[in-house]
Structure formats: C-alpha cells, structure tokens
Amino acid sequence: MSPTKDLTELERKIFIKLLLGWDNLAIEEQLKMKRNNIKQIVHSIFKKFDVHSRPELLAKYIPHIVVQREERKLNG
C-alpha cells in the first residue's frame, strides 16, 4: 500500500517537489499558483502524513521508499 494513495493529483505533484527540496516560491513559479494555495496544499499533505514540517515529512516517507526498493530486489 502506498502512503501517497490518499493524495490528490495536485498534492502528489507538490509532494514530489517537496521530496526534491523545492521551496514554496519555486513550486509557485513552476505550477503557476498563488503562494497561499501552495501553503494550504502543503499543510494538507502534512496533515495526511501526520507531520508538521518538511524534515519530518522526509524522515517519515524516505524510509518507506528504501524498504520498498529493497523488497523489490529480494522478490526479483
């Protein structure tokens, strides 16, 4: 089960940018959205992952990616 399954398409786009280390201004410019909308969506992502910051989001999600990759290697 993917922890991102409950994200909307727009939340997923922003989530990926967060994983890549983009700040709100870069996301705003890339997606042509207003800053407040970006803030609201980032907050929604944090809420869905039950975190309060970007580092906490990364700390919670990155191990999932590593484990998933290693399981794929083991299962061929």
N, C-alpha and C. Protein backbone atom coordinates (compact mmCIF):
# COMPACT_ATOMS: atom_id res chain seq x y z
N MET A 1 0.85 -1.19 0.00
CA MET A 1 0.00 0.00 0.00
C MET A 1 0.89 1.24 0.00
N SER A 2 0.58 2.15 -0.87
CA SER A 2 1.37 3.38 -0.98
C SER A 2 0.83 4.43 -0.02
N PRO A 3 1.73 5.07 0.73
CA PRO A 3 1.27 6.12 1.65
C PRO A 3 0.78 7.37 0.92
N THR A 4 1.02 7.43 -0.39
CA THR A 4 0.57 8.60 -1.15
C THR A 4 -0.79 8.37 -1.80
N LYS A 5 -1.39 7.23 -1.57
CA LYS A 5 -2.64 6.90 -2.27
C LYS A 5 -3.78 7.87 -1.98
N ASP A 6 -3.75 8.53 -0.83
CA ASP A 6 -4.82 9.45 -0.47
C ASP A 6 -4.57 10.88 -0.94
N LEU A 7 -3.45 11.11 -1.62
CA LEU A 7 -3.16 12.45 -2.11
C LEU A 7 -3.89 12.69 -3.44
N THR A 8 -4.34 13.93 -3.62
CA THR A 8 -4.93 14.30 -4.90
C THR A 8 -3.80 14.41 -5.92
N GLU A 9 -4.14 14.55 -7.17
CA GLU A 9 -3.12 14.68 -8.22
C GLU A 9 -2.23 15.91 -7.96
N LEU A 10 -2.85 17.03 -7.60
CA LEU A 10 -2.09 18.24 -7.33
C LEU A 10 -1.21 18.07 -6.08
N GLU A 11 -1.75 17.44 -5.06
CA GLU A 11 -0.96 17.18 -3.85
C GLU A 11 0.24 16.30 -4.18
N ARG A 12 0.06 15.32 -5.05
CA ARG A 12 1.17 14.45 -5.45
C ARG A 12 2.25 15.25 -6.17
N LYS A 13 1.85 16.15 -7.06
CA LYS A 13 2.82 16.99 -7.77
C LYS A 13 3.64 17.80 -6.78
N ILE A 14 2.96 18.39 -5.81
CA ILE A 14 3.64 19.22 -4.82
C ILE A 14 4.46 18.34 -3.88
N PHE A 15 3.95 17.19 -3.52
CA PHE A 15 4.67 16.25 -2.66
C PHE A 15 6.01 15.88 -3.28
N ILE A 16 6.02 15.60 -4.57
CA ILE A 16 7.27 15.26 -5.26
C ILE A 16 8.24 16.43 -5.21
N LYS A 17 7.73 17.63 -5.42
CA LYS A 17 8.59 18.82 -5.34
C LYS A 17 9.16 18.96 -3.92
N LEU A 18 8.36 18.68 -2.91
CA LEU A 18 8.85 18.74 -1.53
C LEU A 18 9.97 17.73 -1.32
N LEU A 19 9.79 16.51 -1.85
CA LEU A 19 10.83 15.49 -1.72
C LEU A 19 12.11 15.91 -2.41
N LEU A 20 11.98 16.70 -3.48
CA LEU A 20 13.15 17.18 -4.21
C LEU A 20 13.78 18.41 -3.56
N GLY A 21 13.16 18.90 -2.49
CA GLY A 21 13.72 20.03 -1.75
C GLY A 21 13.30 21.40 -2.25
N TRP A 22 12.28 21.47 -3.09
CA TRP A 22 11.81 22.75 -3.60
C TRP A 22 11.15 23.56 -2.49
N ASP A 23 11.35 24.87 -2.50
CA ASP A 23 10.64 25.73 -1.56
C ASP A 23 9.32 26.19 -2.19
N ASN A 24 8.50 26.86 -1.39
CA ASN A 24 7.18 27.27 -1.87
C ASN A 24 7.26 28.20 -3.07
N LEU A 25 8.26 29.08 -3.09
CA LEU A 25 8.39 30.02 -4.20
C LEU A 25 8.67 29.28 -5.51
N ALA A 26 9.56 28.31 -5.47
CA ALA A 26 9.87 27.53 -6.67
C ALA A 26 8.65 26.75 -7.15
N ILE A 27 7.91 26.18 -6.20
CA ILE A 27 6.69 25.43 -6.55
C ILE A 27 5.67 26.39 -7.16
N GLU A 28 5.52 27.55 -6.54
CA GLU A 28 4.58 28.57 -7.03
C GLU A 28 4.90 28.96 -8.47
N GLU A 29 6.17 29.20 -8.75
CA GLU A 29 6.58 29.61 -10.10
C GLU A 29 6.39 28.48 -11.10
N GLN A 30 6.73 27.26 -10.73
CA GLN A 30 6.62 26.12 -11.63
C GLN A 30 5.16 25.80 -11.96
N LEU A 31 4.31 25.80 -10.94
CA LEU A 31 2.92 25.40 -11.13
C LEU A 31 1.98 26.57 -11.40
N LYS A 32 2.53 27.78 -11.40
CA LYS A 32 1.74 28.99 -11.66
C LYS A 32 0.54 29.10 -10.72
N MET A 33 0.84 28.96 -9.44
CA MET A 33 -0.21 29.03 -8.42
C MET A 33 0.12 30.13 -7.42
N LYS A 34 -0.90 30.58 -6.69
CA LYS A 34 -0.70 31.60 -5.66
C LYS A 34 -0.06 30.98 -4.43
N ARG A 35 0.75 31.79 -3.76
CA ARG A 35 1.50 31.34 -2.58
C ARG A 35 0.59 30.76 -1.51
N ASN A 36 -0.54 31.41 -1.25
CA ASN A 36 -1.44 30.89 -0.21
C ASN A 36 -2.00 29.52 -0.57
N ASN A 37 -2.26 29.29 -1.86
CA ASN A 37 -2.74 27.98 -2.29
C ASN A 37 -1.69 26.91 -2.06
N ILE A 38 -0.43 27.25 -2.36
CA ILE A 38 0.66 26.31 -2.12
C ILE A 38 0.75 25.99 -0.63
N LYS A 39 0.69 27.02 0.21
CA LYS A 39 0.76 26.81 1.66
C LYS A 39 -0.35 25.89 2.14
N GLN A 40 -1.57 26.10 1.63
CA GLN A 40 -2.70 25.27 2.04
C GLN A 40 -2.50 23.82 1.62
N ILE A 41 -1.99 23.62 0.42
CA ILE A 41 -1.79 22.26 -0.07
C ILE A 41 -0.67 21.57 0.71
N VAL A 42 0.41 22.29 0.99
CA VAL A 42 1.50 21.72 1.78
C VAL A 42 0.97 21.32 3.16
N HIS A 43 0.15 22.19 3.76
CA HIS A 43 -0.44 21.88 5.06
C HIS A 43 -1.32 20.62 4.97
N SER A 44 -2.07 20.49 3.89
CA SER A 44 -2.92 19.31 3.69
C SER A 44 -2.07 18.04 3.58
N ILE A 45 -0.95 18.14 2.87
CA ILE A 45 -0.04 17.00 2.76
C ILE A 45 0.51 16.63 4.13
N PHE A 46 0.95 17.64 4.88
CA PHE A 46 1.46 17.38 6.23
C PHE A 46 0.41 16.68 7.08
N LYS A 47 -0.82 17.14 6.98
CA LYS A 47 -1.90 16.56 7.78
C LYS A 47 -2.12 15.09 7.39
N LYS A 48 -2.10 14.80 6.10
CA LYS A 48 -2.32 13.42 5.65
C LYS A 48 -1.19 12.49 6.09
N PHE A 49 0.02 13.03 6.25
CA PHE A 49 1.15 12.23 6.70
C PHE A 49 1.35 12.34 8.21
N ASP A 50 0.53 13.14 8.86
CA ASP A 50 0.61 13.36 10.31
C ASP A 50 1.99 13.88 10.71
N VAL A 51 2.43 14.93 9.99
CA VAL A 51 3.71 15.60 10.28
C VAL A 51 3.48 17.10 10.36
N HIS A 52 4.52 17.82 10.83
CA HIS A 52 4.39 19.27 10.99
C HIS A 52 5.46 20.07 10.25
N SER A 53 6.36 19.38 9.56
CA SER A 53 7.44 20.09 8.87
C SER A 53 7.95 19.26 7.70
N ARG A 54 8.70 19.91 6.82
CA ARG A 54 9.30 19.21 5.68
C ARG A 54 10.30 18.14 6.14
N PRO A 55 11.20 18.48 7.07
CA PRO A 55 12.13 17.42 7.52
C PRO A 55 11.40 16.21 8.12
N GLU A 56 10.34 16.47 8.85
CA GLU A 56 9.56 15.37 9.43
C GLU A 56 8.89 14.54 8.33
N LEU A 57 8.41 15.20 7.29
CA LEU A 57 7.81 14.50 6.15
C LEU A 57 8.84 13.60 5.48
N LEU A 58 10.02 14.14 5.23
CA LEU A 58 11.08 13.35 4.61
C LEU A 58 11.49 12.17 5.48
N ALA A 59 11.62 12.42 6.78
CA ALA A 59 12.01 11.36 7.70
C ALA A 59 10.98 10.24 7.74
N LYS A 60 9.73 10.60 7.54
CA LYS A 60 8.66 9.60 7.59
C LYS A 60 8.54 8.84 6.26
N TYR A 61 8.75 9.54 5.14
CA TYR A 61 8.49 8.94 3.83
C TYR A 61 9.70 8.24 3.23
N ILE A 62 10.89 8.80 3.35
CA ILE A 62 12.08 8.25 2.70
C ILE A 62 12.35 6.80 3.12
N PRO A 63 12.26 6.44 4.41
CA PRO A 63 12.48 5.02 4.75
C PRO A 63 11.52 4.08 4.01
N HIS A 64 10.29 4.52 3.77
CA HIS A 64 9.32 3.71 3.03
C HIS A 64 9.84 3.41 1.62
N ILE A 65 10.42 4.41 0.98
CA ILE A 65 10.96 4.24 -0.37
C ILE A 65 12.10 3.24 -0.36
N VAL A 66 13.00 3.35 0.62
CA VAL A 66 14.15 2.47 0.71
C VAL A 66 13.70 1.03 0.94
N VAL A 67 12.79 0.83 1.87
CA VAL A 67 12.29 -0.52 2.16
C VAL A 67 11.61 -1.11 0.93
N GLN A 68 10.80 -0.32 0.27
CA GLN A 68 10.09 -0.79 -0.93
C GLN A 68 11.09 -1.22 -2.01
N ARG A 69 12.14 -0.44 -2.20
CA ARG A 69 13.16 -0.76 -3.21
C ARG A 69 13.88 -2.05 -2.85
N GLU A 70 14.23 -2.23 -1.58
CA GLU A 70 14.93 -3.42 -1.16
C GLU A 70 14.04 -4.67 -1.27
N GLU A 71 12.75 -4.50 -0.97
CA GLU A 71 11.82 -5.63 -1.13
C GLU A 71 11.72 -6.07 -2.58
N ARG A 72 11.72 -5.09 -3.48
CA ARG A 72 11.67 -5.43 -4.92
C ARG A 72 12.91 -6.22 -5.33
N LYS A 73 14.08 -5.84 -4.81
CA LYS A 73 15.32 -6.56 -5.12
C LYS A 73 15.24 -8.00 -4.63
N LEU A 74 14.71 -8.18 -3.42
CA LEU A 74 14.62 -9.53 -2.85
C LEU A 74 13.63 -10.41 -3.60
N ASN A 75 12.54 -9.80 -4.06
CA ASN A 75 11.48 -10.57 -4.72
C ASN A 75 11.70 -10.69 -6.22
N GLY A 76 12.78 -10.14 -6.70
CA GLY A 76 13.15 -10.28 -8.10
C GLY A 76 12.38 -9.44 -9.02
